[in-house]
Amino acid sequence: MILTRSQKQRYKAAFLLSFPALVGLILFHYWPIFEMLRISFLDYKIFTGEFTWKGADNYVIAVQDPIFLKTLKTTVLFFFLKVPLQTILALGLALIMTRGGRGIGFIRTIILLPAVTAMVVASTVWGFMLHPDNGLVNSFLTTIGLASQPFLVSAQQALPSIAFITIWKQVGLNTLFFMAGLLTIPGVYYEAGKVDGANAWQAFRHVTLPLLKPTTAFVLITSTIAAFKVFVPVKVLTDGGPASATRVIVLYIFELAFQFNRLGYAATISVFVAIILIALSFFQLRTSRES
């Protein structure tokens, strides 16, 4: 294919305009990935810069590491506590908010407001509210005659409490995604369903849900990645406690790199997490396409 002079100029202009973004993508996305893979084969001391070649030893150690397996199990449990409930809640809120009505603008603001709040700030505020002695939530519970709860200082309640906080923080953004998906569904499908005698539940099951599958797949993938990457609320509120009940995988990576000075092994754990997330994302996409 022979390009004309004007076509060559357009391609050259497009390349020059996209070059800064391409450089940023390579430096801040792809290069760190390659560095992580390289460092995962080393015994790297982050504070001194010293390193020795370990080969696959870090990977052998990882699959036999009981702490890694326990933190992975805790992260998977956090995923099941957070992602299904958050997705269902976001879809329900999106259905309500797309119908409109009186006061719906105020409701949208209340739901979306946590999404623009910094996680550190939100975690700190919720830490005060869930305080076992003088927290606002326990004050309310005792006022209505219920027993106060330990929340973040309980090995049984700490992880569900953090899951609740992250749902409160992120459900608004997922609601926005579902709203965008709902607004792309042509109204003619619902009109055809009414003509065929479909009720509200049948229209939701046979029209809304099938046409929302791309949006649902996107929400599930992003929520899954966020669940496996959870760090800030755990670090701020419990630091992995009590009794390691909230010691998730990213917190363990942080401890290995910056507390135990084992950056190479931390990179190895990061590679395992990346493989898990890629596999889960592929499975969710494939399931969505097949259905």
C-alpha atoms as a PDB file:
ATOM      1  CA  MET A   1       0.000   0.000   0.000  1.00  0.00           C
ATOM      2  CA  ILE A   2       1.442   3.326  -1.110  1.00  0.00           C
ATOM      3  CA  LEU A   3       0.606   6.302   1.074  1.00  0.00           C
ATOM      4  CA  THR A   4       0.114   9.743  -0.335  1.00  0.00           C
ATOM      5  CA  ARG A   5       2.036  12.714   1.031  1.00  0.00           C
ATOM      6  CA  SER A   6      -1.002  13.999   2.943  1.00  0.00           C
ATOM      7  CA  GLN A   7      -1.599  10.557   4.498  1.00  0.00           C
ATOM      8  CA  LYS A   8       2.042  10.356   5.596  1.00  0.00           C
ATOM      9  CA  GLN A   9       1.734  13.788   7.198  1.00  0.00           C
ATOM     10  CA  ARG A  10      -1.424  12.737   9.060  1.00  0.00           C
ATOM     11  CA  TYR A  11       0.216   9.560  10.348  1.00  0.00           C
ATOM     12  CA  LYS A  12       3.285  11.528  11.389  1.00  0.00           C
ATOM     13  CA  ALA A  13       1.152  14.081  13.228  1.00  0.00           C
ATOM     14  CA  ALA A  14      -0.816  11.322  14.953  1.00  0.00           C
ATOM     15  CA  PHE A  15       2.397   9.622  16.076  1.00  0.00           C
ATOM     16  CA  LEU A  16       3.876  12.863  17.410  1.00  0.00           C
ATOM     17  CA  LEU A  17       0.674  13.659  19.319  1.00  0.00           C
ATOM     18  CA  SER A  18       0.469  10.186  20.843  1.00  0.00           C
ATOM     19  CA  PHE A  19       4.198   9.888  21.566  1.00  0.00           C
ATOM     20  CA  PRO A  20       4.111  11.537  25.051  1.00  0.00           C
ATOM     21  CA  ALA A  21       1.276   9.237  26.129  1.00  0.00           C
ATOM     22  CA  LEU A  22       3.147   6.238  24.688  1.00  0.00           C
ATOM     23  CA  VAL A  23       6.287   7.158  26.632  1.00  0.00           C
ATOM     24  CA  GLY A  24       4.267   7.522  29.826  1.00  0.00           C
ATOM     25  CA  LEU A  25       2.585   4.154  29.217  1.00  0.00           C
ATOM     26  CA  ILE A  26       5.943   2.432  28.772  1.00  0.00           C
ATOM     27  CA  LEU A  27       7.634   4.123  31.733  1.00  0.00           C
ATOM     28  CA  PHE A  28       4.831   3.889  34.273  1.00  0.00           C
ATOM     29  CA  HIS A  29       2.975   0.713  33.221  1.00  0.00           C
ATOM     30  CA  TYR A  30       5.009  -1.747  31.189  1.00  0.00           C
ATOM     31  CA  TRP A  31       8.472  -1.048  32.577  1.00  0.00           C
ATOM     32  CA  PRO A  32       7.403  -1.632  36.226  1.00  0.00           C
ATOM     33  CA  ILE A  33       5.865  -4.942  35.157  1.00  0.00           C
ATOM     34  CA  PHE A  34       9.123  -6.106  33.572  1.00  0.00           C
ATOM     35  CA  GLU A  35      11.080  -4.858  36.600  1.00  0.00           C
ATOM     36  CA  MET A  36       8.769  -6.790  38.922  1.00  0.00           C
ATOM     37  CA  LEU A  37       9.348  -9.964  36.910  1.00  0.00           C
ATOM     38  CA  ARG A  38      13.113  -9.420  36.951  1.00  0.00           C
ATOM     39  CA  ILE A  39      13.300  -8.671  40.666  1.00  0.00           C
ATOM     40  CA  SER A  40      11.160 -11.733  41.462  1.00  0.00           C
ATOM     41  CA  PHE A  41      14.166 -13.888  40.523  1.00  0.00           C
ATOM     42  CA  LEU A  42      16.487 -12.004  42.884  1.00  0.00           C
ATOM     43  CA  ASP A  43      17.198 -11.720  46.579  1.00  0.00           C
ATOM     44  CA  TYR A  44      16.944  -7.932  46.530  1.00  0.00           C
ATOM     45  CA  LYS A  45      17.592  -5.732  49.579  1.00  0.00           C
ATOM     46  CA  ILE A  46      15.589  -2.600  49.000  1.00  0.00           C
ATOM     47  CA  PHE A  47      17.416  -0.416  51.537  1.00  0.00           C
ATOM     48  CA  THR A  48      20.953  -1.257  50.422  1.00  0.00           C
ATOM     49  CA  GLY A  49      20.382  -2.087  46.744  1.00  0.00           C
ATOM     50  CA  GLU A  50      22.300  -5.360  47.096  1.00  0.00           C
ATOM     51  CA  PHE A  51      20.981  -8.371  45.196  1.00  0.00           C
ATOM     52  CA  THR A  52      21.874 -11.949  44.387  1.00  0.00           C
ATOM     53  CA  TRP A  53      20.397 -14.267  41.787  1.00  0.00           C
ATOM     54  CA  LYS A  54      17.851 -16.716  43.230  1.00  0.00           C
ATOM     55  CA  GLY A  55      16.335 -18.148  40.080  1.00  0.00           C
ATOM     56  CA  ALA A  56      13.088 -19.973  40.759  1.00  0.00           C
ATOM     57  CA  ASP A  57      13.819 -20.377  44.484  1.00  0.00           C
ATOM     58  CA  ASN A  58      11.447 -17.538  45.411  1.00  0.00           C
ATOM     59  CA  TYR A  59       8.607 -19.257  43.573  1.00  0.00           C
ATOM     60  CA  VAL A  60       9.319 -22.580  45.294  1.00  0.00           C
ATOM     61  CA  ILE A  61       9.341 -20.826  48.669  1.00  0.00           C
ATOM     62  CA  ALA A  62       6.070 -19.020  47.855  1.00  0.00           C
ATOM     63  CA  VAL A  63       4.039 -22.163  47.161  1.00  0.00           C
ATOM     64  CA  GLN A  64       5.251 -23.577  50.495  1.00  0.00           C
ATOM     65  CA  ASP A  65       4.839 -20.364  52.489  1.00  0.00           C
ATOM     66  CA  PRO A  66       2.004 -20.810  55.043  1.00  0.00           C
ATOM     67  CA  ILE A  67       1.701 -17.044  55.577  1.00  0.00           C
ATOM     68  CA  PHE A  68       1.258 -16.454  51.850  1.00  0.00           C
ATOM     69  CA  LEU A  69      -1.422 -19.144  51.645  1.00  0.00           C
ATOM     70  CA  LYS A  70      -3.200 -17.754  54.705  1.00  0.00           C
ATOM     71  CA  THR A  71      -3.176 -14.173  53.420  1.00  0.00           C
ATOM     72  CA  LEU A  72      -4.414 -15.411  50.048  1.00  0.00           C
ATOM     73  CA  LYS A  73      -7.252 -17.238  51.804  1.00  0.00           C
ATOM     74  CA  THR A  74      -8.132 -14.070  53.734  1.00  0.00           C
ATOM     75  CA  THR A  75      -8.134 -12.065  50.503  1.00  0.00           C
ATOM     76  CA  VAL A  76     -10.419 -14.575  48.794  1.00  0.00           C
ATOM     77  CA  LEU A  77     -12.772 -14.409  51.781  1.00  0.00           C
ATOM     78  CA  PHE A  78     -12.758 -10.615  51.529  1.00  0.00           C
ATOM     79  CA  PHE A  79     -13.601 -10.948  47.826  1.00  0.00           C
ATOM     80  CA  PHE A  80     -16.690 -13.040  48.604  1.00  0.00           C
ATOM     81  CA  LEU A  81     -17.747 -10.644  51.359  1.00  0.00           C
ATOM     82  CA  LYS A  82     -17.456  -7.610  49.101  1.00  0.00           C
ATOM     83  CA  VAL A  83     -17.903  -8.228  45.385  1.00  0.00           C
ATOM     84  CA  PRO A  84     -21.265 -10.104  45.159  1.00  0.00           C
ATOM     85  CA  LEU A  85     -23.043  -7.781  47.599  1.00  0.00           C
ATOM     86  CA  GLN A  86     -21.524  -4.664  46.069  1.00  0.00           C
ATOM     87  CA  THR A  87     -22.530  -5.709  42.548  1.00  0.00           C
ATOM     88  CA  ILE A  88     -26.119  -6.540  43.507  1.00  0.00           C
ATOM     89  CA  LEU A  89     -26.467  -3.338  45.524  1.00  0.00           C
ATOM     90  CA  ALA A  90     -25.036  -1.217  42.696  1.00  0.00           C
ATOM     91  CA  LEU A  91     -27.445  -2.756  40.178  1.00  0.00           C
ATOM     92  CA  GLY A  92     -30.414  -2.182  42.479  1.00  0.00           C
ATOM     93  CA  LEU A  93     -29.447   1.444  43.076  1.00  0.00           C
ATOM     94  CA  ALA A  94     -28.937   1.987  39.350  1.00  0.00           C
ATOM     95  CA  LEU A  95     -32.419   0.646  38.611  1.00  0.00           C
ATOM     96  CA  ILE A  96     -33.913   3.035  41.156  1.00  0.00           C
ATOM     97  CA  MET A  97     -31.901   6.047  40.036  1.00  0.00           C
ATOM     98  CA  THR A  98     -32.627   5.650  36.314  1.00  0.00           C
ATOM     99  CA  ARG A  99     -36.372   5.795  36.932  1.00  0.00           C
ATOM    100  CA  GLY A 100     -36.179   9.400  38.071  1.00  0.00           C
ATOM    101  CA  GLY A 101     -38.743  10.967  40.346  1.00  0.00           C
ATOM    102  CA  ARG A 102     -38.869  13.532  43.079  1.00  0.00           C
ATOM    103  CA  GLY A 103     -35.674  13.910  45.104  1.00  0.00           C
ATOM    104  CA  ILE A 104     -33.713  11.513  42.898  1.00  0.00           C
ATOM    105  CA  GLY A 105     -30.996  14.127  42.331  1.00  0.00           C
ATOM    106  CA  PHE A 106     -30.319  14.342  46.061  1.00  0.00           C
ATOM    107  CA  ILE A 107     -30.223  10.544  46.323  1.00  0.00           C
ATOM    108  CA  ARG A 108     -27.716  10.367  43.460  1.00  0.00           C
ATOM    109  CA  THR A 109     -25.483  12.886  45.215  1.00  0.00           C
ATOM    110  CA  ILE A 110     -25.578  10.941  48.491  1.00  0.00           C
ATOM    111  CA  ILE A 111     -24.728   7.662  46.737  1.00  0.00           C
ATOM    112  CA  LEU A 112     -21.930   9.077  44.593  1.00  0.00           C
ATOM    113  CA  LEU A 113     -20.377  11.292  47.281  1.00  0.00           C
ATOM    114  CA  PRO A 114     -18.299   8.490  48.922  1.00  0.00           C
ATOM    115  CA  ALA A 115     -16.718   7.665  45.553  1.00  0.00           C
ATOM    116  CA  VAL A 116     -14.929  11.037  45.488  1.00  0.00           C
ATOM    117  CA  THR A 117     -13.782  10.780  49.106  1.00  0.00           C
ATOM    118  CA  ALA A 118     -10.184   9.687  49.679  1.00  0.00           C
ATOM    119  CA  MET A 119      -9.960   6.171  51.081  1.00  0.00           C
ATOM    120  CA  VAL A 120      -7.586   7.289  53.841  1.00  0.00           C
ATOM    121  CA  VAL A 121     -10.081   9.914  54.997  1.00  0.00           C
ATOM    122  CA  ALA A 122     -13.032   7.530  54.755  1.00  0.00           C
ATOM    123  CA  SER A 123     -11.170   4.803  56.654  1.00  0.00           C
ATOM    124  CA  THR A 124     -10.169   7.204  59.420  1.00  0.00           C
ATOM    125  CA  VAL A 125     -13.711   8.504  59.858  1.00  0.00           C
ATOM    126  CA  TRP A 126     -15.164   4.991  59.905  1.00  0.00           C
ATOM    127  CA  GLY A 127     -12.509   3.995  62.429  1.00  0.00           C
ATOM    128  CA  PHE A 128     -13.882   6.611  64.842  1.00  0.00           C
ATOM    129  CA  MET A 129     -17.478   5.626  64.085  1.00  0.00           C
ATOM    130  CA  LEU A 130     -16.822   1.912  64.711  1.00  0.00           C
ATOM    131  CA  HIS A 131     -14.866   2.426  67.910  1.00  0.00           C
ATOM    132  CA  PRO A 132     -16.000  -0.294  70.380  1.00  0.00           C
ATOM    133  CA  ASP A 133     -16.358   2.083  73.354  1.00  0.00           C
ATOM    134  CA  ASN A 134     -17.465   5.506  72.171  1.00  0.00           C
ATOM    135  CA  GLY A 135     -18.102   5.086  68.456  1.00  0.00           C
ATOM    136  CA  LEU A 136     -21.195   6.568  66.842  1.00  0.00           C
ATOM    137  CA  VAL A 137     -22.459   3.196  65.590  1.00  0.00           C
ATOM    138  CA  ASN A 138     -22.312   1.568  69.031  1.00  0.00           C
ATOM    139  CA  SER A 139     -23.923   4.636  70.600  1.00  0.00           C
ATOM    140  CA  PHE A 140     -26.822   4.198  68.190  1.00  0.00           C
ATOM    141  CA  LEU A 141     -27.043   0.455  68.901  1.00  0.00           C
ATOM    142  CA  THR A 142     -27.202   0.985  72.668  1.00  0.00           C
ATOM    143  CA  THR A 143     -29.782   3.746  72.219  1.00  0.00           C
ATOM    144  CA  ILE A 144     -32.185   1.358  70.476  1.00  0.00           C
ATOM    145  CA  GLY A 145     -31.551  -1.365  73.056  1.00  0.00           C
ATOM    146  CA  LEU A 146     -29.010  -3.520  71.225  1.00  0.00           C
ATOM    147  CA  ALA A 147     -25.644  -4.656  72.533  1.00  0.00           C
ATOM    148  CA  SER A 148     -22.541  -2.799  71.416  1.00  0.00           C
ATOM    149  CA  GLN A 149     -20.247  -4.642  68.998  1.00  0.00           C
ATOM    150  CA  PRO A 150     -16.427  -4.904  68.901  1.00  0.00           C
ATOM    151  CA  PHE A 151     -16.271  -4.448  65.105  1.00  0.00           C
ATOM    152  CA  LEU A 152     -12.627  -3.762  64.179  1.00  0.00           C
ATOM    153  CA  VAL A 153     -11.155  -5.288  67.348  1.00  0.00           C
ATOM    154  CA  SER A 154     -12.908  -8.625  66.802  1.00  0.00           C
ATOM    155  CA  ALA A 155     -11.285 -11.386  64.755  1.00  0.00           C
ATOM    156  CA  GLN A 156     -14.736 -12.378  63.480  1.00  0.00           C
ATOM    157  CA  GLN A 157     -16.080  -8.897  62.689  1.00  0.00           C
ATOM    158  CA  ALA A 158     -12.999  -7.006  61.501  1.00  0.00           C
ATOM    159  CA  LEU A 159     -12.905  -8.319  57.921  1.00  0.00           C
ATOM    160  CA  PRO A 160     -16.684  -7.927  57.347  1.00  0.00           C
ATOM    161  CA  SER A 161     -16.420  -4.399  58.778  1.00  0.00           C
ATOM    162  CA  ILE A 162     -13.688  -3.484  56.295  1.00  0.00           C
ATOM    163  CA  ALA A 163     -15.722  -5.079  53.495  1.00  0.00           C
ATOM    164  CA  PHE A 164     -18.677  -2.883  54.509  1.00  0.00           C
ATOM    165  CA  ILE A 165     -16.498   0.239  54.421  1.00  0.00           C
ATOM    166  CA  THR A 166     -15.147  -0.562  50.948  1.00  0.00           C
ATOM    167  CA  ILE A 167     -18.657  -1.308  49.670  1.00  0.00           C
ATOM    168  CA  TRP A 168     -19.854   2.051  51.016  1.00  0.00           C
ATOM    169  CA  LYS A 169     -16.890   3.722  49.318  1.00  0.00           C
ATOM    170  CA  GLN A 170     -17.075   2.036  45.908  1.00  0.00           C
ATOM    171  CA  VAL A 171     -20.725   1.142  45.309  1.00  0.00           C
ATOM    172  CA  GLY A 172     -21.476   4.614  43.926  1.00  0.00           C
ATOM    173  CA  LEU A 173     -18.975   4.249  41.086  1.00  0.00           C
ATOM    174  CA  ASN A 174     -20.347   0.832  40.138  1.00  0.00           C
ATOM    175  CA  THR A 175     -23.845   2.298  40.276  1.00  0.00           C
ATOM    176  CA  LEU A 176     -22.707   4.906  37.752  1.00  0.00           C
ATOM    177  CA  PHE A 177     -21.447   2.152  35.429  1.00  0.00           C
ATOM    178  CA  PHE A 178     -24.745   0.275  35.660  1.00  0.00           C
ATOM    179  CA  MET A 179     -26.694   3.482  35.041  1.00  0.00           C
ATOM    180  CA  ALA A 180     -24.687   4.054  31.861  1.00  0.00           C
ATOM    181  CA  GLY A 181     -25.432   0.483  30.783  1.00  0.00           C
ATOM    182  CA  LEU A 182     -29.147   0.821  31.508  1.00  0.00           C
ATOM    183  CA  LEU A 183     -29.405   4.037  29.515  1.00  0.00           C
ATOM    184  CA  THR A 184     -28.014   2.275  26.421  1.00  0.00           C
ATOM    185  CA  ILE A 185     -30.839  -0.300  26.379  1.00  0.00           C
ATOM    186  CA  PRO A 186     -33.409   0.743  23.740  1.00  0.00           C
ATOM    187  CA  GLY A 187     -36.909   1.270  25.145  1.00  0.00           C
ATOM    188  CA  VAL A 188     -38.396  -0.633  22.202  1.00  0.00           C
ATOM    189  CA  TYR A 189     -37.398  -3.930  23.862  1.00  0.00           C
ATOM    190  CA  TYR A 190     -39.469  -3.145  26.942  1.00  0.00           C
ATOM    191  CA  GLU A 191     -42.391  -2.050  24.779  1.00  0.00           C
ATOM    192  CA  ALA A 192     -42.212  -5.337  22.876  1.00  0.00           C
ATOM    193  CA  GLY A 193     -42.177  -7.180  26.192  1.00  0.00           C
ATOM    194  CA  LYS A 194     -45.322  -5.384  27.343  1.00  0.00           C
ATOM    195  CA  VAL A 195     -47.043  -6.321  24.110  1.00  0.00           C
ATOM    196  CA  ASP A 196     -46.139  -9.965  24.773  1.00  0.00           C
ATOM    197  CA  GLY A 197     -47.530  -9.714  28.296  1.00  0.00           C
ATOM    198  CA  ALA A 198     -44.235  -9.638  30.215  1.00  0.00           C
ATOM    199  CA  ASN A 199     -44.387  -8.295  33.764  1.00  0.00           C
ATOM    200  CA  ALA A 200     -41.676  -6.215  35.452  1.00  0.00           C
ATOM    201  CA  TRP A 201     -39.707  -9.234  36.694  1.00  0.00           C
ATOM    202  CA  GLN A 202     -39.808 -10.962  33.302  1.00  0.00           C
ATOM    203  CA  ALA A 203     -38.658  -7.784  31.560  1.00  0.00           C
ATOM    204  CA  PHE A 204     -35.783  -7.464  34.035  1.00  0.00           C
ATOM    205  CA  ARG A 205     -34.780 -11.114  33.664  1.00  0.00           C
ATOM    206  CA  HIS A 206     -35.092 -11.461  29.883  1.00  0.00           C
ATOM    207  CA  VAL A 207     -34.259  -7.939  28.696  1.00  0.00           C
ATOM    208  CA  THR A 208     -32.304  -5.957  31.289  1.00  0.00           C
ATOM    209  CA  LEU A 209     -29.942  -8.637  32.573  1.00  0.00           C
ATOM    210  CA  PRO A 210     -28.914 -10.060  29.163  1.00  0.00           C
ATOM    211  CA  LEU A 211     -28.246  -6.613  27.712  1.00  0.00           C
ATOM    212  CA  LEU A 212     -26.301  -5.594  30.825  1.00  0.00           C
ATOM    213  CA  LYS A 213     -23.857  -8.505  30.587  1.00  0.00           C
ATOM    214  CA  PRO A 214     -20.978  -6.430  29.143  1.00  0.00           C
ATOM    215  CA  THR A 215     -21.423  -3.838  31.889  1.00  0.00           C
ATOM    216  CA  THR A 216     -21.750  -6.538  34.534  1.00  0.00           C
ATOM    217  CA  ALA A 217     -18.561  -8.231  33.324  1.00  0.00           C
ATOM    218  CA  PHE A 218     -16.704  -4.909  33.507  1.00  0.00           C
ATOM    219  CA  VAL A 219     -18.001  -4.194  37.014  1.00  0.00           C
ATOM    220  CA  LEU A 220     -17.110  -7.698  38.221  1.00  0.00           C
ATOM    221  CA  ILE A 221     -13.584  -7.514  36.805  1.00  0.00           C
ATOM    222  CA  THR A 222     -12.824  -4.078  38.238  1.00  0.00           C
ATOM    223  CA  SER A 223     -14.394  -5.007  41.592  1.00  0.00           C
ATOM    224  CA  THR A 224     -12.378  -8.227  41.725  1.00  0.00           C
ATOM    225  CA  ILE A 225      -9.144  -6.372  41.063  1.00  0.00           C
ATOM    226  CA  ALA A 226     -10.036  -3.806  43.735  1.00  0.00           C
ATOM    227  CA  ALA A 227     -10.835  -6.579  46.232  1.00  0.00           C
ATOM    228  CA  PHE A 228      -7.491  -8.317  45.700  1.00  0.00           C
ATOM    229  CA  LYS A 229      -5.671  -4.960  45.908  1.00  0.00           C
ATOM    230  CA  VAL A 230      -7.311  -3.788  49.140  1.00  0.00           C
ATOM    231  CA  PHE A 231      -4.702  -2.168  51.352  1.00  0.00           C
ATOM    232  CA  VAL A 232      -5.492   1.317  52.669  1.00  0.00           C
ATOM    233  CA  PRO A 233      -8.452   0.517  54.967  1.00  0.00           C
ATOM    234  CA  VAL A 234      -6.649  -2.533  56.336  1.00  0.00           C
ATOM    235  CA  LYS A 235      -3.457  -0.593  57.003  1.00  0.00           C
ATOM    236  CA  VAL A 236      -5.265   2.376  58.546  1.00  0.00           C
ATOM    237  CA  LEU A 237      -7.811   0.504  60.659  1.00  0.00           C
ATOM    238  CA  THR A 238      -6.325  -2.836  61.737  1.00  0.00           C
ATOM    239  CA  ASP A 239      -2.819  -3.232  60.256  1.00  0.00           C
ATOM    240  CA  GLY A 240      -3.642  -6.889  59.642  1.00  0.00           C
ATOM    241  CA  GLY A 241      -5.074  -7.608  63.086  1.00  0.00           C
ATOM    242  CA  PRO A 242      -6.595  -8.701  65.284  1.00  0.00           C
ATOM    243  CA  ALA A 243      -4.844 -12.080  65.275  1.00  0.00           C
ATOM    244  CA  SER A 244      -3.991 -11.625  61.549  1.00  0.00           C
ATOM    245  CA  ALA A 245      -7.717 -11.778  60.707  1.00  0.00           C
ATOM    246  CA  THR A 246      -7.355  -8.937  58.177  1.00  0.00           C
ATOM    247  CA  ARG A 247      -3.843  -9.650  56.928  1.00  0.00           C
ATOM    248  CA  VAL A 248      -4.578  -9.545  53.203  1.00  0.00           C
ATOM    249  CA  ILE A 249      -2.162 -10.321  50.409  1.00  0.00           C
ATOM    250  CA  VAL A 250      -1.146  -6.730  49.535  1.00  0.00           C
ATOM    251  CA  LEU A 251      -0.404  -5.977  53.189  1.00  0.00           C
ATOM    252  CA  TYR A 252       1.849  -9.042  53.259  1.00  0.00           C
ATOM    253  CA  ILE A 253       3.648  -7.796  50.131  1.00  0.00           C
ATOM    254  CA  PHE A 254       4.115  -4.408  51.819  1.00  0.00           C
ATOM    255  CA  GLU A 255       5.527  -6.043  54.944  1.00  0.00           C
ATOM    256  CA  LEU A 256       7.939  -8.201  52.931  1.00  0.00           C
ATOM    257  CA  ALA A 257       9.276  -5.268  50.943  1.00  0.00           C
ATOM    258  CA  PHE A 258       9.441  -2.452  53.486  1.00  0.00           C
ATOM    259  CA  GLN A 259       9.593  -4.163  56.878  1.00  0.00           C
ATOM    260  CA  PHE A 260      11.499  -7.385  56.216  1.00  0.00           C
ATOM    261  CA  ASN A 261      13.666  -5.956  53.404  1.00  0.00           C
ATOM    262  CA  ARG A 262      12.767  -8.811  51.003  1.00  0.00           C
ATOM    263  CA  LEU A 263      11.803  -6.982  47.834  1.00  0.00           C
ATOM    264  CA  GLY A 264      12.594  -9.962  45.598  1.00  0.00           C
ATOM    265  CA  TYR A 265      10.227 -12.267  47.438  1.00  0.00           C
ATOM    266  CA  ALA A 266       7.594  -9.504  47.597  1.00  0.00           C
ATOM    267  CA  ALA A 267       7.818  -9.218  43.804  1.00  0.00           C
ATOM    268  CA  THR A 268       7.340 -12.995  43.545  1.00  0.00           C
ATOM    269  CA  ILE A 269       4.117 -12.798  45.566  1.00  0.00           C
ATOM    270  CA  SER A 270       3.022  -9.901  43.339  1.00  0.00           C
ATOM    271  CA  VAL A 271       3.527 -12.090  40.268  1.00  0.00           C
ATOM    272  CA  PHE A 272       1.288 -14.769  41.783  1.00  0.00           C
ATOM    273  CA  VAL A 273      -1.407 -12.170  42.506  1.00  0.00           C
ATOM    274  CA  ALA A 274      -1.165 -10.849  38.940  1.00  0.00           C
ATOM    275  CA  ILE A 275      -1.560 -14.372  37.537  1.00  0.00           C
ATOM    276  CA  ILE A 276      -4.612 -14.973  39.737  1.00  0.00           C
ATOM    277  CA  LEU A 277      -6.229 -11.707  38.635  1.00  0.00           C
ATOM    278  CA  ILE A 278      -5.545 -12.382  34.956  1.00  0.00           C
ATOM    279  CA  ALA A 279      -7.066 -15.862  35.276  1.00  0.00           C
ATOM    280  CA  LEU A 280     -10.151 -14.535  37.090  1.00  0.00           C
ATOM    281  CA  SER A 281     -10.632 -11.740  34.565  1.00  0.00           C
ATOM    282  CA  PHE A 282     -10.316 -14.162  31.647  1.00  0.00           C
ATOM    283  CA  PHE A 283     -12.817 -16.527  33.281  1.00  0.00           C
ATOM    284  CA  GLN A 284     -15.329 -13.738  33.886  1.00  0.00           C
ATOM    285  CA  LEU A 285     -15.012 -12.429  30.336  1.00  0.00           C
ATOM    286  CA  ARG A 286     -15.325 -15.890  28.825  1.00  0.00           C
ATOM    287  CA  THR A 287     -18.357 -16.705  30.971  1.00  0.00           C
ATOM    288  CA  SER A 288     -20.010 -13.440  29.959  1.00  0.00           C
ATOM    289  CA  ARG A 289     -19.413 -14.058  26.248  1.00  0.00           C
ATOM    290  CA  GLU A 290     -20.609 -17.665  26.320  1.00  0.00           C
ATOM    291  CA  SER A 291     -23.824 -16.764  28.131  1.00  0.00           C
END
